[in-house]
N, C-alpha and C. Protein backbone atom coordinates (compact mmCIF):
# COMPACT_ATOMS: atom_id res chain seq x y z
N SER A 1 29.19 74.69 2.92
CA SER A 1 29.97 75.71 1.96
C SER A 1 30.61 74.78 0.95
N ASP A 2 30.47 75.02 0.02
CA ASP A 2 30.71 74.40 -1.46
C ASP A 2 32.30 73.96 -1.02
N ASP A 3 32.78 74.61 -0.71
CA ASP A 3 34.55 74.97 -0.61
C ASP A 3 35.05 74.16 -0.06
N VAL A 4 36.10 73.76 -0.36
CA VAL A 4 36.90 73.40 0.62
C VAL A 4 37.92 74.32 1.01
N THR A 5 38.11 75.12 1.68
CA THR A 5 39.59 76.40 1.52
C THR A 5 40.69 75.71 2.46
N ASN A 6 41.58 76.60 2.15
CA ASN A 6 43.74 76.57 2.61
C ASN A 6 42.96 76.05 3.71
N SER A 7 42.42 76.97 4.85
CA SER A 7 42.75 76.40 6.27
C SER A 7 42.29 75.40 6.51
N ASP A 8 41.65 74.82 5.42
CA ASP A 8 40.89 73.22 6.02
C ASP A 8 42.04 72.24 5.60
N THR A 9 43.25 72.56 4.68
CA THR A 9 44.44 71.46 4.45
C THR A 9 45.54 72.48 5.33
N THR A 10 45.54 72.80 6.51
CA THR A 10 46.77 73.44 6.90
C THR A 10 47.75 72.31 7.57
N GLU A 11 47.23 71.18 7.89
CA GLU A 11 48.09 69.84 8.15
C GLU A 11 48.89 69.43 7.18
N ALA A 12 48.74 69.84 5.63
CA ALA A 12 49.90 69.57 4.26
C ALA A 12 51.16 69.83 4.93
N LYS A 13 51.88 68.72 4.94
CA LYS A 13 53.48 68.33 4.45
C LYS A 13 53.87 69.31 3.74
N ALA A 14 54.85 70.12 4.03
CA ALA A 14 55.65 71.26 3.22
C ALA A 14 56.19 70.41 2.10
N GLY A 15 56.28 71.61 0.85
CA GLY A 15 56.57 70.95 -0.16
C GLY A 15 56.15 70.03 -1.23
N THR A 16 54.99 69.86 -0.60
CA THR A 16 53.89 69.05 -1.45
C THR A 16 52.65 69.73 -2.11
N ASP A 17 51.96 69.39 -2.92
CA ASP A 17 50.90 69.88 -3.35
C ASP A 17 49.92 69.28 -3.03
N VAL A 18 48.53 70.19 -3.01
CA VAL A 18 47.35 69.67 -2.47
C VAL A 18 46.01 69.93 -3.66
N LEU A 19 45.83 68.50 -3.93
CA LEU A 19 44.77 68.94 -5.07
C LEU A 19 43.36 68.89 -4.90
N GLN A 20 42.84 70.70 -5.10
CA GLN A 20 41.14 70.67 -4.93
C GLN A 20 40.85 70.21 -6.35
N ILE A 21 39.39 69.64 -6.00
CA ILE A 21 38.66 69.36 -7.27
C ILE A 21 37.00 69.76 -6.85
N HIS A 22 36.60 70.01 -7.64
CA HIS A 22 35.08 70.44 -7.49
C HIS A 22 34.03 69.14 -8.49
N PHE A 23 33.72 68.32 -8.12
CA PHE A 23 33.01 67.63 -9.26
C PHE A 23 31.23 67.96 -8.72
N VAL A 24 30.80 67.79 -10.38
CA VAL A 24 29.40 67.81 -10.50
C VAL A 24 28.94 67.07 -11.22
N GLY A 25 28.15 66.12 -11.11
CA GLY A 25 27.68 65.27 -11.07
C GLY A 25 26.35 65.53 -12.05
N SER A 26 25.53 64.49 -12.80
CA SER A 26 24.55 64.73 -13.34
C SER A 26 23.41 65.20 -12.53
N ARG A 27 22.56 65.35 -13.07
CA ARG A 27 20.91 65.60 -12.38
C ARG A 27 20.18 64.79 -12.75
N ASN A 28 19.80 64.05 -11.41
CA ASN A 28 18.71 63.07 -12.13
C ASN A 28 17.18 63.45 -12.18
N VAL A 29 17.05 63.65 -13.64
CA VAL A 29 16.20 63.99 -14.33
C VAL A 29 15.90 62.88 -15.57
N ASP A 30 16.71 62.36 -15.69
CA ASP A 30 16.39 61.00 -16.79
C ASP A 30 17.04 61.77 -18.18
N SER A 31 15.81 61.49 -19.11
CA SER A 31 16.63 62.19 -20.60
C SER A 31 15.49 63.39 -20.59
N ILE A 32 14.91 63.92 -19.62
CA ILE A 32 13.91 64.99 -19.76
C ILE A 32 14.59 66.31 -19.92
N SER A 33 13.92 67.21 -21.22
CA SER A 33 14.95 68.37 -21.99
C SER A 33 14.15 69.55 -20.95
N ALA A 34 15.05 70.48 -20.60
CA ALA A 34 14.92 71.45 -19.66
C ALA A 34 13.70 72.37 -20.17
N SER A 35 13.46 72.53 -21.29
CA SER A 35 12.11 72.83 -21.99
C SER A 35 10.73 72.53 -21.45
N VAL A 36 11.26 70.99 -21.58
CA VAL A 36 9.77 70.27 -21.40
C VAL A 36 9.12 69.89 -19.69
N ILE A 37 10.26 70.00 -18.93
CA ILE A 37 10.30 70.09 -17.34
C ILE A 37 9.85 71.79 -16.93
N LYS A 38 10.34 72.99 -18.19
CA LYS A 38 9.72 73.70 -17.39
C LYS A 38 8.08 73.94 -17.74
N ASP A 39 7.82 73.64 -18.84
CA ASP A 39 6.29 73.18 -19.24
C ASP A 39 5.52 72.58 -18.18
N MET A 40 5.77 71.58 -17.48
CA MET A 40 5.47 70.60 -16.80
C MET A 40 4.64 71.32 -15.21
N PRO A 41 3.70 70.82 -15.19
CA PRO A 41 2.74 71.19 -14.01
C PRO A 41 3.78 71.07 -12.40
N SER A 42 3.70 71.65 -11.24
CA SER A 42 5.56 71.54 -10.33
C SER A 42 5.44 70.64 -9.76
N ASP A 43 4.02 69.71 -9.68
CA ASP A 43 4.04 68.82 -9.08
C ASP A 43 4.61 67.64 -9.74
N ALA A 44 4.77 67.95 -11.04
CA ALA A 44 5.29 66.65 -11.69
C ALA A 44 6.44 66.55 -12.46
N ALA A 45 7.26 68.08 -12.47
CA ALA A 45 8.54 67.79 -12.95
C ALA A 45 9.45 67.69 -11.98
N PRO A 46 10.37 66.74 -12.44
CA PRO A 46 12.10 66.53 -11.12
C PRO A 46 12.12 67.71 -10.93
N ALA A 47 12.87 67.74 -9.70
CA ALA A 47 13.84 68.58 -9.28
C ALA A 47 15.34 68.38 -10.13
N LEU A 48 15.92 69.89 -10.58
CA LEU A 48 16.76 70.04 -11.54
C LEU A 48 17.91 69.70 -9.97
N ASN A 49 17.95 69.70 -8.96
CA ASN A 49 19.10 69.80 -7.73
C ASN A 49 19.36 68.18 -7.64
N ASP A 50 18.50 67.11 -7.52
CA ASP A 50 18.51 65.96 -7.38
C ASP A 50 19.95 65.62 -7.62
N ALA A 51 20.72 64.33 -6.68
CA ALA A 51 21.48 63.74 -7.01
C ALA A 51 21.14 62.32 -7.87
N ASP A 52 22.30 62.39 -8.67
CA ASP A 52 21.71 61.02 -9.67
C ASP A 52 22.57 59.69 -9.04
N GLY A 53 23.57 59.79 -7.38
CA GLY A 53 24.19 59.02 -6.92
C GLY A 53 25.52 58.39 -7.57
N THR A 54 26.15 59.52 -8.59
CA THR A 54 26.94 58.90 -8.96
C THR A 54 28.59 59.39 -8.28
N ILE A 55 27.72 60.91 -7.49
CA ILE A 55 29.45 61.27 -6.86
C ILE A 55 29.32 60.70 -5.42
N ILE A 56 30.52 60.73 -5.04
CA ILE A 56 31.24 60.07 -3.14
C ILE A 56 31.77 61.05 -2.67
N ASP A 57 31.79 61.06 -1.21
CA ASP A 57 32.38 61.80 -0.68
C ASP A 57 33.96 61.12 -0.05
N CYS A 58 34.50 61.58 0.66
CA CYS A 58 35.96 60.63 0.97
C CYS A 58 35.56 59.73 1.81
N GLN A 59 34.70 59.63 2.27
CA GLN A 59 34.40 57.87 3.07
C GLN A 59 33.57 57.02 1.97
N GLY A 60 33.13 57.36 0.79
CA GLY A 60 33.09 56.86 -0.17
C GLY A 60 31.31 56.31 -0.23
N ASN A 61 30.69 57.21 0.51
CA ASN A 61 29.21 57.24 0.54
C ASN A 61 28.60 58.01 -0.71
N ALA A 62 27.33 57.29 -1.33
CA ALA A 62 26.86 58.93 -2.26
C ALA A 62 26.17 59.63 -1.50
N ILE A 63 26.69 60.66 -2.21
CA ILE A 63 25.65 62.05 -1.26
C ILE A 63 24.56 62.55 -2.11
N ALA A 64 23.74 63.33 -1.19
CA ALA A 64 22.47 63.84 -1.55
C ALA A 64 22.29 65.16 -2.09
N ASP A 65 24.01 65.78 -3.12
CA ASP A 65 23.84 66.57 -4.14
C ASP A 65 24.24 66.47 -5.04
N SER A 66 24.15 67.42 -6.00
CA SER A 66 24.85 67.13 -6.95
C SER A 66 26.20 67.42 -7.01
N SER A 67 26.96 68.20 -6.47
CA SER A 67 28.25 68.49 -6.51
C SER A 67 28.61 68.45 -5.27
N ILE A 68 30.37 68.18 -5.30
CA ILE A 68 30.99 68.29 -4.46
C ILE A 68 32.17 69.14 -4.39
N ALA A 69 33.21 69.78 -3.21
CA ALA A 69 34.23 70.42 -2.99
C ALA A 69 35.47 69.54 -2.50
N LEU A 70 36.07 68.50 -3.11
CA LEU A 70 37.24 67.90 -2.27
C LEU A 70 38.76 68.76 -2.13
N ALA A 71 39.72 67.67 -1.28
CA ALA A 71 40.60 68.39 -1.40
C ALA A 71 41.77 66.74 -1.10
N LEU A 72 42.57 66.72 -1.67
CA LEU A 72 43.58 65.11 -1.57
C LEU A 72 44.95 66.34 -1.08
N TYR A 73 45.87 65.62 -0.16
CA TYR A 73 47.18 66.13 0.28
C TYR A 73 47.81 65.16 1.41
N VAL A 74 48.86 65.31 1.13
CA VAL A 74 49.49 64.61 2.14
C VAL A 74 50.15 65.51 3.58
N SER A 75 49.91 64.56 4.98
CA SER A 75 49.50 65.36 6.17
C SER A 75 51.49 65.03 6.40
N THR A 76 52.02 65.43 7.34
CA THR A 76 52.86 65.45 8.07
C THR A 76 53.10 64.28 8.65
N ASP A 77 52.42 63.41 8.49
CA ASP A 77 52.76 61.97 9.03
C ASP A 77 52.91 60.95 7.86
N ASN A 78 52.75 61.30 6.63
CA ASN A 78 52.94 60.94 5.25
C ASN A 78 51.43 60.24 5.39
N LYS A 79 50.15 60.31 5.47
CA LYS A 79 49.09 60.03 5.25
C LYS A 79 48.75 60.78 3.96
N LEU A 80 47.88 59.56 2.73
CA LEU A 80 47.15 60.92 1.69
C LEU A 80 46.14 61.32 2.79
N MET A 81 45.65 62.77 2.81
CA MET A 81 44.60 62.95 3.57
C MET A 81 43.03 63.28 2.14
N CYS A 82 42.00 63.22 2.87
CA CYS A 82 40.77 63.72 2.09
C CYS A 82 40.14 64.31 2.65
N ILE A 83 39.71 65.70 2.35
CA ILE A 83 38.67 66.32 3.17
C ILE A 83 37.34 66.98 1.98
N ASP A 84 36.03 66.65 2.28
CA ASP A 84 35.58 67.10 1.87
C ASP A 84 34.06 68.67 1.55
N SER A 85 33.58 69.25 1.10
CA SER A 85 33.08 70.35 1.34
C SER A 85 31.65 69.62 2.05
N ILE A 86 31.29 68.19 2.11
CA ILE A 86 30.15 67.37 3.33
C ILE A 86 30.45 67.30 4.27
N ASN A 87 31.24 66.91 4.96
CA ASN A 87 31.73 66.20 5.63
C ASN A 87 32.56 67.26 6.82
N ASN A 88 33.82 68.10 5.93
CA ASN A 88 34.23 68.93 6.53
C ASN A 88 35.43 68.56 7.73
N ALA A 89 35.22 67.06 7.37
CA ALA A 89 36.74 66.38 8.21
C ALA A 89 37.67 65.39 7.60
N ALA A 90 39.31 66.04 7.76
CA ALA A 90 39.62 64.93 6.99
C ALA A 90 40.08 63.57 7.37
N ILE A 91 40.06 62.67 6.32
CA ILE A 91 40.27 61.38 6.73
C ILE A 91 41.23 60.68 5.78
N ALA A 92 42.28 60.01 6.55
CA ALA A 92 42.99 59.23 5.98
C ALA A 92 42.70 58.34 4.88
N VAL A 93 43.14 58.37 3.53
CA VAL A 93 42.73 57.13 2.66
C VAL A 93 43.89 56.18 2.39
N ALA A 94 44.89 57.05 2.86
CA ALA A 94 46.19 55.63 2.56
C ALA A 94 47.19 56.39 3.43
N ASP A 95 48.19 55.11 3.79
CA ASP A 95 49.14 55.55 4.67
C ASP A 95 50.52 55.21 3.61
N ASP A 96 51.45 55.82 4.44
CA ASP A 96 52.90 55.46 3.74
C ASP A 96 52.93 56.43 1.92
N VAL A 97 52.30 57.94 1.90
CA VAL A 97 52.19 58.73 0.96
C VAL A 97 53.57 59.53 1.46
N GLU A 98 54.77 59.69 0.91
CA GLU A 98 55.35 60.62 1.19
C GLU A 98 55.63 61.80 0.44
N ASN A 99 54.72 61.99 -0.54
CA ASN A 99 54.93 63.25 -1.33
C ASN A 99 53.39 63.08 -2.79
N LEU A 100 53.08 63.76 -2.85
CA LEU A 100 51.82 64.29 -4.07
C LEU A 100 52.85 65.73 -4.54
N GLN A 101 52.72 65.33 -6.19
CA GLN A 101 52.91 66.36 -6.76
C GLN A 101 51.96 66.83 -8.31
N ILE A 102 52.03 67.56 -8.54
CA ILE A 102 50.75 67.64 -9.40
C ILE A 102 51.27 68.76 -11.03
N ARG A 103 51.06 68.62 -12.06
CA ARG A 103 51.30 69.38 -13.61
C ARG A 103 50.09 69.85 -13.94
N ALA A 104 49.97 70.39 -14.60
CA ALA A 104 48.31 70.59 -15.67
C ALA A 104 49.20 71.14 -16.58
N LYS A 105 48.03 70.52 -17.80
CA LYS A 105 48.41 71.05 -19.47
C LYS A 105 47.11 71.61 -20.20
N ALA A 106 46.98 72.78 -20.25
CA ALA A 106 45.99 73.37 -21.00
C ALA A 106 45.43 72.95 -22.34
N GLN A 107 44.30 72.99 -22.62
CA GLN A 107 43.61 72.53 -23.63
C GLN A 107 44.17 72.77 -24.84
N SER A 108 44.37 74.12 -25.09
CA SER A 108 45.19 74.45 -26.54
C SER A 108 46.36 75.43 -26.20
N GLY A 109 47.07 75.68 -27.01
CA GLY A 109 48.71 76.68 -26.82
C GLY A 109 49.33 75.37 -26.41
N SER A 110 50.26 75.64 -25.81
CA SER A 110 51.59 74.86 -25.30
C SER A 110 50.90 73.19 -25.32
N SER A 111 51.96 72.64 -25.46
CA SER A 111 51.23 71.09 -25.34
C SER A 111 52.50 70.58 -23.96
N ALA A 112 52.85 71.35 -23.38
CA ALA A 112 53.61 71.36 -22.21
C ALA A 112 52.91 71.10 -21.19
N TYR A 113 53.07 70.23 -19.67
CA TYR A 113 52.53 70.43 -18.30
C TYR A 113 53.18 71.85 -17.83
N GLN A 114 52.27 72.01 -16.82
CA GLN A 114 52.80 73.63 -16.11
C GLN A 114 52.56 73.50 -14.62
N LEU A 115 53.13 74.05 -13.86
CA LEU A 115 53.71 74.11 -12.59
C LEU A 115 51.93 74.33 -12.20
N PRO A 116 51.37 74.17 -10.89
CA PRO A 116 50.48 74.69 -10.80
C PRO A 116 50.36 76.52 -10.63
N SER A 117 51.73 76.86 -9.78
CA SER A 117 51.93 77.96 -9.49
C SER A 117 51.55 78.77 -10.86
N SER A 118 52.30 78.63 -11.79
CA SER A 118 51.69 79.05 -13.16
C SER A 118 51.26 79.25 -14.03
N ILE A 119 49.63 78.74 -13.47
CA ILE A 119 48.81 78.57 -14.19
C ILE A 119 48.11 79.62 -13.80
N THR A 120 47.39 80.64 -14.70
CA THR A 120 46.72 81.71 -14.19
C THR A 120 44.71 81.64 -14.86
N ASP A 121 45.02 80.44 -15.59
CA ASP A 121 43.58 80.19 -15.95
C ASP A 121 42.74 78.86 -15.83
N TRP A 122 42.64 78.34 -14.58
CA TRP A 122 42.09 76.94 -14.41
C TRP A 122 41.45 76.37 -15.73
N THR A 123 40.64 77.52 -15.76
CA THR A 123 39.26 76.61 -16.78
C THR A 123 39.81 76.19 -17.79
N THR A 124 41.19 76.76 -18.34
CA THR A 124 41.20 76.21 -19.64
C THR A 124 42.00 74.56 -19.71
N ILE A 125 42.09 74.34 -18.40
CA ILE A 125 42.95 73.25 -17.87
C ILE A 125 42.43 71.54 -18.73
N SER A 126 42.81 71.15 -19.32
CA SER A 126 42.09 69.84 -19.78
C SER A 126 42.77 68.29 -19.16
N ASN A 127 44.63 68.48 -18.76
CA ASN A 127 45.14 67.29 -18.58
C ASN A 127 45.46 67.69 -16.94
N LEU A 128 46.09 66.10 -16.20
CA LEU A 128 46.17 66.25 -14.98
C LEU A 128 47.29 65.45 -15.18
N GLU A 129 48.33 65.78 -14.84
CA GLU A 129 49.64 64.42 -14.40
C GLU A 129 50.05 64.89 -12.67
N ILE A 130 49.25 63.59 -12.38
CA ILE A 130 49.50 63.61 -10.87
C ILE A 130 50.43 62.52 -10.20
N GLY A 131 51.18 62.65 -9.24
CA GLY A 131 52.54 61.96 -8.91
C GLY A 131 52.78 61.31 -7.66
N PHE A 132 52.72 60.18 -7.30
CA PHE A 132 52.97 60.30 -5.49
C PHE A 132 54.17 59.50 -5.15
N LEU A 133 54.81 59.88 -4.33
CA LEU A 133 55.54 59.19 -3.75
C LEU A 133 55.21 58.41 -2.85
N LEU A 134 55.89 56.87 -2.74
CA LEU A 134 55.07 55.74 -1.77
C LEU A 134 56.17 55.32 -0.96
N SER A 135 56.15 54.98 -0.22
CA SER A 135 56.97 53.92 0.94
C SER A 135 56.57 53.06 1.83
N LYS A 136 57.41 52.07 1.96
CA LYS A 136 56.89 51.01 3.49
C LYS A 136 58.53 50.72 3.73
N PRO A 137 58.48 50.40 5.18
CA PRO A 137 59.05 49.80 5.60
C PRO A 137 59.68 48.99 5.42
N TYR A 138 61.41 48.53 5.32
CA TYR A 138 61.62 47.46 4.95
C TYR A 138 62.49 46.49 5.83
N ASP A 139 62.41 45.25 6.53
CA ASP A 139 63.19 44.74 7.56
C ASP A 139 64.74 44.29 7.12
N ASN A 140 64.74 44.62 6.05
CA ASN A 140 66.19 43.66 5.57
C ASN A 140 67.38 44.74 5.97
N SER A 141 68.84 44.35 5.78
CA SER A 141 69.29 45.50 6.17
C SER A 141 69.53 46.18 4.34
N LEU A 142 69.33 47.26 4.28
CA LEU A 142 69.81 47.82 3.03
C LEU A 142 71.26 48.77 3.12
N PRO A 143 71.70 48.77 2.36
CA PRO A 143 72.81 49.86 1.78
C PRO A 143 72.72 51.03 1.79
N VAL A 144 73.42 52.02 2.69
CA VAL A 144 73.02 53.41 1.95
C VAL A 144 73.05 54.37 1.01
N THR A 145 71.55 54.32 0.49
CA THR A 145 72.25 54.95 -0.85
C THR A 145 71.69 56.52 -1.00
N THR A 146 72.12 57.02 -1.97
CA THR A 146 71.51 58.40 -2.23
C THR A 146 70.26 57.96 -4.05
N THR A 147 69.22 58.54 -3.30
CA THR A 147 68.46 58.18 -4.71
C THR A 147 67.06 59.38 -5.17
N THR A 148 67.12 59.35 -6.27
CA THR A 148 66.39 60.42 -6.56
C THR A 148 64.87 60.08 -7.36
N TYR A 149 63.81 60.89 -7.03
CA TYR A 149 62.99 60.00 -7.66
C TYR A 149 62.01 61.57 -8.05
N HIS A 150 61.50 61.21 -9.37
CA HIS A 150 61.25 61.60 -10.35
C HIS A 150 59.45 62.04 -10.65
N LEU A 151 59.07 63.25 -9.93
CA LEU A 151 57.52 62.98 -9.93
C LEU A 151 57.73 64.08 -11.10
N PRO A 152 56.03 64.55 -10.77
CA PRO A 152 55.57 65.63 -11.95
C PRO A 152 56.13 67.18 -11.54
N GLY A 153 57.15 67.48 -12.36
CA GLY A 153 57.55 68.50 -12.12
C GLY A 153 58.49 69.26 -10.74
N LYS A 154 58.75 67.79 -10.22
CA LYS A 154 59.77 67.91 -8.95
C LYS A 154 60.70 66.80 -9.35
N ASP A 155 61.63 66.70 -8.94
CA ASP A 155 62.78 65.78 -8.37
C ASP A 155 62.79 65.49 -7.03
N ILE A 156 63.26 64.65 -6.05
CA ILE A 156 63.20 64.53 -4.54
C ILE A 156 64.34 63.67 -4.73
N THR A 157 65.61 64.11 -3.85
CA THR A 157 66.44 62.93 -3.60
C THR A 157 66.38 62.86 -2.08
N ILE A 158 66.99 61.42 -2.11
CA ILE A 158 66.94 60.83 -0.49
C ILE A 158 67.93 60.54 -0.27
N THR A 159 68.64 60.49 0.59
CA THR A 159 70.07 59.89 1.27
C THR A 159 69.49 58.81 1.83
N SER A 160 69.09 57.53 1.76
CA SER A 160 68.50 56.59 3.05
C SER A 160 70.28 56.11 4.18
N SER A 161 69.39 56.08 5.07
CA SER A 161 70.70 55.83 6.38
C SER A 161 70.18 55.00 6.95
N ASP A 162 69.07 54.90 8.03
CA ASP A 162 69.27 54.08 9.28
C ASP A 162 67.56 53.84 9.02
N GLU A 163 66.04 54.45 8.14
CA GLU A 163 65.32 54.47 7.90
C GLU A 163 65.00 53.38 7.60
N GLN A 164 65.36 52.38 6.72
CA GLN A 164 65.18 51.32 6.40
C GLN A 164 63.75 51.17 5.14
N LYS A 165 63.55 52.20 4.27
CA LYS A 165 62.62 52.40 3.58
C LYS A 165 62.73 51.91 2.12
N ILE A 166 61.52 51.22 1.40
CA ILE A 166 61.43 50.87 0.10
C ILE A 166 60.53 51.99 -0.53
N ARG A 167 60.72 52.39 -1.53
CA ARG A 167 59.80 53.70 -2.06
C ARG A 167 59.91 53.62 -3.71
N GLN A 168 58.94 54.14 -4.05
CA GLN A 168 58.43 53.68 -5.68
C GLN A 168 57.54 54.79 -6.10
N VAL A 169 57.86 55.50 -6.97
CA VAL A 169 56.40 57.22 -7.70
C VAL A 169 55.86 56.36 -8.40
N PHE A 170 54.59 56.75 -8.39
CA PHE A 170 53.45 55.98 -8.93
C PHE A 170 52.94 57.75 -9.69
N THR A 171 52.28 57.47 -11.27
CA THR A 171 52.12 58.72 -11.70
C THR A 171 50.86 58.59 -12.56
N SER A 172 50.21 59.33 -12.87
CA SER A 172 48.73 59.05 -13.91
C SER A 172 48.81 60.31 -14.41
N ASN A 173 48.05 60.60 -15.54
CA ASN A 173 47.59 61.26 -16.49
C ASN A 173 46.25 61.09 -16.35
N VAL A 174 45.52 62.53 -16.08
CA VAL A 174 43.98 62.65 -16.04
C VAL A 174 43.59 63.08 -16.78
N MET A 175 42.27 62.93 -17.63
CA MET A 175 42.20 64.07 -19.07
C MET A 175 40.73 64.55 -17.83
N ILE A 176 40.71 65.58 -18.29
CA ILE A 176 39.31 66.54 -17.56
C ILE A 176 38.10 66.59 -19.03
N LYS A 177 37.33 65.76 -18.38
CA LYS A 177 36.19 66.27 -19.84
C LYS A 177 35.32 67.48 -19.44
N ASN A 178 35.47 68.01 -18.44
CA ASN A 178 34.26 69.28 -18.23
C ASN A 178 35.43 70.26 -18.04
N TYR A 179 36.31 70.68 -18.82
CA TYR A 179 36.73 71.85 -18.42
C TYR A 179 35.72 73.00 -19.60
N LEU A 180 36.09 74.29 -19.31
CA LEU A 180 34.93 75.21 -20.09
C LEU A 180 35.95 75.69 -21.06
N SER A 181 34.92 75.75 -22.26
CA SER A 181 36.03 76.37 -23.46
C SER A 181 35.72 77.41 -24.08
N GLN A 182 36.60 78.39 -24.38
CA GLN A 182 37.01 79.32 -24.74
C GLN A 182 35.86 80.02 -25.51
């Protein structure tokens, strides 16, 4: 299949987002134009669906296709999981990830980021804001505190008691160069 379905991410932690992406790489035709290729003898023309080696799967392997769909999500045991349309098996790519939140901004119109649930046309999206809440066990005695962590579109308040973890939010803004123009 060319897609990763929602059923493939059933172990996603409640309250976190699932990021589904479809990557399309360059075809391995060098700089030959399509009009030149169509006039070539069939045994001389490069295959238009050959991969150029620029797309990798969740395991970091170059794929033998020119596109792949993948999903990133946080599992119920706080691991960042990746599943792709080639291997169809989720693998952990990072430990100690407590939350993943995403907001998106359209190419034109409002300059504000929107929650995924409010977006009706994903072909207009030009930017993503992605946030992770990471944690690590901490052996020293920490006081009981209530802390609010600000992720894109969602604040998460945690009262630490005896779990002894330190937490940090990491966010990044990603420009999508291959959005469809209106």
